Amino acid sequence: QAEESAIDAFTVPLTLAERAGGCLSDASHARAAAALEEHGLVVLCGILPSDDVLRAGRVALEALDRAIDTLRSRHNIDLTRPGSCPEPLNYAEVAMREDLRLDLRHFP
């Protein structure tokens, strides 16, 4: 229940016209911008084909796994153990924002 409430806070419901046209109305755009500003993310259900989203998610997780493996083998850094890495943690593979939050570099 709590997770659903949290997800609702950054999910923008879209109309059929928005989904079909792939373009947000001014009101939805404003809600999306507000959610992004407040929560750091926004969910726009139905704006992209599900298969494309799932495929992109798999590619991103594979890239993250490669980065984790590379940092572990080259630098003895374990990104899966928060607090165990020296600060700041910025390498060719990743730029760390905080524990468990990073930007992947040079991956699709």
N, C-alpha and C. Protein backbone atom coordinates (compact mmCIF):
# COMPACT_ATOMS: atom_id res chain seq x y z
N GLN A 1 0.83 -1.19 0.00
CA GLN A 1 0.00 0.00 0.00
C GLN A 1 0.86 1.25 0.00
N ALA A 2 1.87 1.31 0.86
CA ALA A 2 2.74 2.49 0.95
C ALA A 2 3.50 2.70 -0.35
N GLU A 3 3.96 1.60 -0.97
CA GLU A 3 4.69 1.71 -2.24
C GLU A 3 3.79 2.27 -3.33
N GLU A 4 2.54 1.82 -3.37
CA GLU A 4 1.61 2.33 -4.38
C GLU A 4 1.36 3.82 -4.19
N SER A 5 1.25 4.27 -2.97
CA SER A 5 1.07 5.70 -2.71
C SER A 5 2.28 6.48 -3.16
N ALA A 6 3.47 5.95 -2.90
CA ALA A 6 4.69 6.64 -3.32
C ALA A 6 4.76 6.71 -4.84
N ILE A 7 4.43 5.64 -5.52
CA ILE A 7 4.45 5.62 -6.99
C ILE A 7 3.43 6.59 -7.55
N ASP A 8 2.27 6.66 -6.94
CA ASP A 8 1.23 7.60 -7.39
C ASP A 8 1.73 9.05 -7.36
N ALA A 9 2.62 9.35 -6.43
CA ALA A 9 3.09 10.73 -6.28
C ALA A 9 3.89 11.20 -7.49
N PHE A 10 4.53 10.28 -8.21
CA PHE A 10 5.33 10.70 -9.38
C PHE A 10 4.83 10.09 -10.69
N THR A 11 3.61 9.56 -10.68
CA THR A 11 3.01 9.03 -11.90
C THR A 11 2.00 10.04 -12.44
N VAL A 12 2.10 10.33 -13.73
CA VAL A 12 1.17 11.25 -14.39
C VAL A 12 0.24 10.43 -15.26
N PRO A 13 -1.05 10.39 -14.93
CA PRO A 13 -2.00 9.66 -15.77
C PRO A 13 -2.18 10.41 -17.10
N LEU A 14 -2.16 9.67 -18.18
CA LEU A 14 -2.29 10.27 -19.51
C LEU A 14 -3.63 9.93 -20.13
N THR A 15 -4.13 10.83 -20.94
CA THR A 15 -5.38 10.58 -21.65
C THR A 15 -5.10 9.65 -22.83
N LEU A 16 -6.16 9.09 -23.40
CA LEU A 16 -6.00 8.25 -24.59
C LEU A 16 -5.37 9.04 -25.73
N ALA A 17 -5.75 10.29 -25.87
CA ALA A 17 -5.20 11.12 -26.94
C ALA A 17 -3.69 11.33 -26.74
N GLU A 18 -3.27 11.54 -25.51
CA GLU A 18 -1.84 11.72 -25.23
C GLU A 18 -1.08 10.43 -25.54
N ARG A 19 -1.65 9.32 -25.15
CA ARG A 19 -0.99 8.03 -25.41
C ARG A 19 -0.91 7.76 -26.91
N ALA A 20 -1.99 7.98 -27.60
CA ALA A 20 -2.02 7.71 -29.04
C ALA A 20 -1.10 8.64 -29.81
N GLY A 21 -1.07 9.90 -29.41
CA GLY A 21 -0.27 10.88 -30.13
C GLY A 21 1.16 10.99 -29.65
N GLY A 22 1.46 10.43 -28.48
CA GLY A 22 2.81 10.49 -27.95
C GLY A 22 3.22 11.90 -27.56
N CYS A 23 2.24 12.73 -27.24
CA CYS A 23 2.52 14.12 -26.90
C CYS A 23 1.68 14.51 -25.68
N LEU A 24 2.33 15.16 -24.71
CA LEU A 24 1.63 15.55 -23.48
C LEU A 24 0.86 16.86 -23.67
N SER A 25 -0.28 16.93 -23.00
CA SER A 25 -1.00 18.20 -22.94
C SER A 25 -0.22 19.15 -22.03
N ASP A 26 -0.58 20.41 -22.05
CA ASP A 26 0.08 21.38 -21.18
C ASP A 26 -0.08 20.99 -19.71
N ALA A 27 -1.28 20.53 -19.35
CA ALA A 27 -1.53 20.15 -17.95
C ALA A 27 -0.68 18.94 -17.54
N SER A 28 -0.61 17.93 -18.40
CA SER A 28 0.21 16.75 -18.08
C SER A 28 1.68 17.12 -18.03
N HIS A 29 2.09 17.97 -18.94
CA HIS A 29 3.49 18.42 -18.95
C HIS A 29 3.82 19.11 -17.63
N ALA A 30 2.93 19.96 -17.17
CA ALA A 30 3.15 20.67 -15.90
C ALA A 30 3.22 19.69 -14.73
N ARG A 31 2.33 18.70 -14.71
CA ARG A 31 2.35 17.69 -13.64
C ARG A 31 3.63 16.87 -13.69
N ALA A 32 4.07 16.52 -14.91
CA ALA A 32 5.31 15.75 -15.07
C ALA A 32 6.51 16.56 -14.58
N ALA A 33 6.56 17.82 -14.95
CA ALA A 33 7.66 18.69 -14.51
C ALA A 33 7.68 18.83 -12.99
N ALA A 34 6.52 18.97 -12.39
CA ALA A 34 6.43 19.10 -10.94
C ALA A 34 6.88 17.82 -10.24
N ALA A 35 6.47 16.67 -10.78
CA ALA A 35 6.89 15.39 -10.19
C ALA A 35 8.40 15.21 -10.32
N LEU A 36 8.94 15.57 -11.45
CA LEU A 36 10.38 15.47 -11.66
C LEU A 36 11.14 16.38 -10.70
N GLU A 37 10.65 17.57 -10.53
CA GLU A 37 11.28 18.53 -9.63
C GLU A 37 11.23 18.04 -8.18
N GLU A 38 10.07 17.52 -7.76
CA GLU A 38 9.90 17.11 -6.37
C GLU A 38 10.52 15.76 -6.05
N HIS A 39 10.38 14.78 -6.96
CA HIS A 39 10.78 13.41 -6.66
C HIS A 39 12.01 12.93 -7.41
N GLY A 40 12.42 13.68 -8.43
CA GLY A 40 13.59 13.27 -9.20
C GLY A 40 13.29 12.27 -10.29
N LEU A 41 12.03 11.91 -10.45
CA LEU A 41 11.61 11.01 -11.51
C LEU A 41 10.14 11.21 -11.79
N VAL A 42 9.72 10.74 -12.95
CA VAL A 42 8.32 10.80 -13.32
C VAL A 42 7.99 9.55 -14.13
N VAL A 43 6.80 9.01 -13.94
CA VAL A 43 6.34 7.85 -14.70
C VAL A 43 5.21 8.33 -15.61
N LEU A 44 5.38 8.06 -16.90
CA LEU A 44 4.37 8.39 -17.91
C LEU A 44 3.90 7.07 -18.53
N CYS A 45 2.92 6.47 -17.93
CA CYS A 45 2.43 5.16 -18.40
C CYS A 45 1.79 5.28 -19.77
N GLY A 46 2.21 4.41 -20.67
CA GLY A 46 1.58 4.30 -21.96
C GLY A 46 2.11 5.24 -23.02
N ILE A 47 3.09 6.06 -22.71
CA ILE A 47 3.60 7.00 -23.70
C ILE A 47 4.52 6.29 -24.71
N LEU A 48 5.15 5.22 -24.28
CA LEU A 48 6.02 4.42 -25.16
C LEU A 48 5.50 2.99 -25.20
N PRO A 49 5.75 2.28 -26.29
CA PRO A 49 5.34 0.87 -26.35
C PRO A 49 6.03 0.06 -25.24
N SER A 50 5.28 -0.79 -24.56
CA SER A 50 5.81 -1.59 -23.45
C SER A 50 7.03 -2.39 -23.84
N ASP A 51 7.02 -3.00 -25.02
CA ASP A 51 8.16 -3.80 -25.45
C ASP A 51 9.43 -2.96 -25.52
N ASP A 52 9.31 -1.73 -25.99
CA ASP A 52 10.48 -0.84 -26.07
C ASP A 52 11.00 -0.51 -24.67
N VAL A 53 10.10 -0.25 -23.75
CA VAL A 53 10.49 0.08 -22.39
C VAL A 53 11.17 -1.12 -21.73
N LEU A 54 10.60 -2.30 -21.89
CA LEU A 54 11.20 -3.49 -21.30
C LEU A 54 12.58 -3.78 -21.90
N ARG A 55 12.71 -3.60 -23.20
CA ARG A 55 13.99 -3.82 -23.87
C ARG A 55 15.03 -2.81 -23.36
N ALA A 56 14.65 -1.55 -23.24
CA ALA A 56 15.57 -0.53 -22.73
C ALA A 56 15.97 -0.82 -21.29
N GLY A 57 15.03 -1.31 -20.49
CA GLY A 57 15.32 -1.68 -19.11
C GLY A 57 16.34 -2.80 -19.04
N ARG A 58 16.18 -3.80 -19.91
CA ARG A 58 17.15 -4.91 -19.93
C ARG A 58 18.54 -4.42 -20.33
N VAL A 59 18.60 -3.56 -21.34
CA VAL A 59 19.89 -3.01 -21.78
C VAL A 59 20.54 -2.22 -20.64
N ALA A 60 19.76 -1.41 -19.94
CA ALA A 60 20.29 -0.61 -18.83
C ALA A 60 20.80 -1.51 -17.70
N LEU A 61 20.06 -2.55 -17.36
CA LEU A 61 20.51 -3.45 -16.29
C LEU A 61 21.76 -4.22 -16.70
N GLU A 62 21.85 -4.62 -17.96
CA GLU A 62 23.06 -5.29 -18.45
C GLU A 62 24.26 -4.35 -18.38
N ALA A 63 24.05 -3.08 -18.74
CA ALA A 63 25.12 -2.09 -18.68
C ALA A 63 25.56 -1.87 -17.23
N LEU A 64 24.60 -1.82 -16.32
CA LEU A 64 24.93 -1.66 -14.90
C LEU A 64 25.72 -2.86 -14.40
N ASP A 65 25.31 -4.05 -14.77
CA ASP A 65 26.04 -5.26 -14.36
C ASP A 65 27.48 -5.22 -14.88
N ARG A 66 27.67 -4.78 -16.13
CA ARG A 66 29.02 -4.69 -16.69
C ARG A 66 29.86 -3.66 -15.92
N ALA A 67 29.25 -2.53 -15.60
CA ALA A 67 29.97 -1.50 -14.84
C ALA A 67 30.34 -2.01 -13.45
N ILE A 68 29.42 -2.68 -12.78
CA ILE A 68 29.70 -3.25 -11.46
C ILE A 68 30.86 -4.24 -11.55
N ASP A 69 30.81 -5.13 -12.53
CA ASP A 69 31.87 -6.13 -12.70
C ASP A 69 33.21 -5.48 -13.02
N THR A 70 33.18 -4.46 -13.88
CA THR A 70 34.42 -3.79 -14.27
C THR A 70 35.05 -3.08 -13.07
N LEU A 71 34.26 -2.35 -12.32
CA LEU A 71 34.81 -1.64 -11.15
C LEU A 71 35.32 -2.61 -10.09
N ARG A 72 34.62 -3.73 -9.94
CA ARG A 72 35.05 -4.72 -8.96
C ARG A 72 36.40 -5.32 -9.37
N SER A 73 36.53 -5.67 -10.66
CA SER A 73 37.75 -6.34 -11.10
C SER A 73 38.93 -5.37 -11.28
N ARG A 74 38.68 -4.16 -11.75
CA ARG A 74 39.78 -3.21 -12.01
C ARG A 74 40.18 -2.39 -10.79
N HIS A 75 39.23 -2.06 -9.94
CA HIS A 75 39.50 -1.11 -8.86
C HIS A 75 39.14 -1.63 -7.47
N ASN A 76 38.67 -2.88 -7.39
CA ASN A 76 38.24 -3.47 -6.12
C ASN A 76 37.17 -2.61 -5.44
N ILE A 77 36.25 -2.07 -6.26
CA ILE A 77 35.14 -1.26 -5.77
C ILE A 77 33.87 -2.08 -5.90
N ASP A 78 33.10 -2.15 -4.82
CA ASP A 78 31.84 -2.89 -4.84
C ASP A 78 30.67 -1.91 -4.72
N LEU A 79 30.06 -1.60 -5.84
CA LEU A 79 28.94 -0.65 -5.86
C LEU A 79 27.71 -1.16 -5.14
N THR A 80 27.65 -2.45 -4.87
CA THR A 80 26.46 -3.03 -4.23
C THR A 80 26.52 -2.94 -2.71
N ARG A 81 27.63 -2.42 -2.17
CA ARG A 81 27.77 -2.27 -0.72
C ARG A 81 27.90 -0.78 -0.37
N PRO A 82 26.80 -0.11 -0.13
CA PRO A 82 26.85 1.32 0.19
C PRO A 82 27.78 1.61 1.36
N GLY A 83 28.53 2.69 1.22
CA GLY A 83 29.44 3.10 2.28
C GLY A 83 30.79 2.42 2.24
N SER A 84 30.97 1.44 1.38
CA SER A 84 32.23 0.71 1.34
C SER A 84 33.24 1.30 0.36
N CYS A 85 32.81 2.30 -0.41
CA CYS A 85 33.66 2.87 -1.45
C CYS A 85 34.22 4.21 -0.99
N PRO A 86 35.46 4.50 -1.42
CA PRO A 86 36.02 5.81 -1.10
C PRO A 86 35.27 6.90 -1.86
N GLU A 87 35.30 8.10 -1.32
CA GLU A 87 34.65 9.23 -1.97
C GLU A 87 35.71 10.16 -2.53
N PRO A 88 35.48 10.87 -3.60
CA PRO A 88 34.37 10.69 -4.52
C PRO A 88 34.63 9.49 -5.42
N LEU A 89 33.60 8.90 -5.91
CA LEU A 89 33.71 7.72 -6.73
C LEU A 89 33.31 8.05 -8.16
N ASN A 90 34.27 8.45 -8.96
CA ASN A 90 34.01 8.75 -10.36
C ASN A 90 35.08 8.06 -11.19
N TYR A 91 34.62 7.23 -12.08
CA TYR A 91 35.50 6.45 -12.94
C TYR A 91 35.01 6.59 -14.37
N ALA A 92 35.75 6.03 -15.29
CA ALA A 92 35.35 6.07 -16.70
C ALA A 92 33.99 5.41 -16.88
N GLU A 93 33.68 4.41 -16.07
CA GLU A 93 32.45 3.65 -16.22
C GLU A 93 31.24 4.32 -15.59
N VAL A 94 31.44 5.00 -14.45
CA VAL A 94 30.32 5.59 -13.72
C VAL A 94 30.71 6.92 -13.08
N ALA A 95 29.71 7.73 -12.86
CA ALA A 95 29.83 8.93 -12.02
C ALA A 95 28.85 8.75 -10.88
N MET A 96 29.35 8.70 -9.68
CA MET A 96 28.50 8.48 -8.52
C MET A 96 27.86 9.78 -8.07
N ARG A 97 26.58 9.71 -7.78
CA ARG A 97 25.88 10.84 -7.19
C ARG A 97 25.80 10.66 -5.68
N GLU A 98 25.47 9.45 -5.26
CA GLU A 98 25.43 9.05 -3.85
C GLU A 98 25.35 7.53 -3.87
N ASP A 99 25.41 6.89 -2.70
CA ASP A 99 25.31 5.43 -2.66
C ASP A 99 24.05 4.98 -3.41
N LEU A 100 24.23 4.00 -4.28
CA LEU A 100 23.17 3.37 -5.07
C LEU A 100 22.51 4.31 -6.07
N ARG A 101 23.14 5.45 -6.36
CA ARG A 101 22.61 6.37 -7.38
C ARG A 101 23.79 6.84 -8.23
N LEU A 102 23.76 6.48 -9.51
CA LEU A 102 24.90 6.76 -10.37
C LEU A 102 24.47 7.01 -11.80
N ASP A 103 25.39 7.58 -12.56
CA ASP A 103 25.20 7.76 -13.99
C ASP A 103 26.16 6.81 -14.69
N LEU A 104 25.65 6.00 -15.61
CA LEU A 104 26.50 5.14 -16.41
C LEU A 104 27.10 5.96 -17.54
N ARG A 105 28.35 5.68 -17.86
CA ARG A 105 29.02 6.37 -18.96
C ARG A 105 29.41 5.34 -20.02
N HIS A 106 29.35 5.76 -21.25
CA HIS A 106 29.83 4.94 -22.38
C HIS A 106 29.11 3.62 -22.53
N PHE A 107 27.87 3.57 -22.15
CA PHE A 107 27.04 2.39 -22.36
C PHE A 107 25.81 2.83 -23.13
N PRO A 108 25.25 1.91 -23.92
CA PRO A 108 24.04 2.30 -24.68
C PRO A 108 22.88 2.65 -23.77
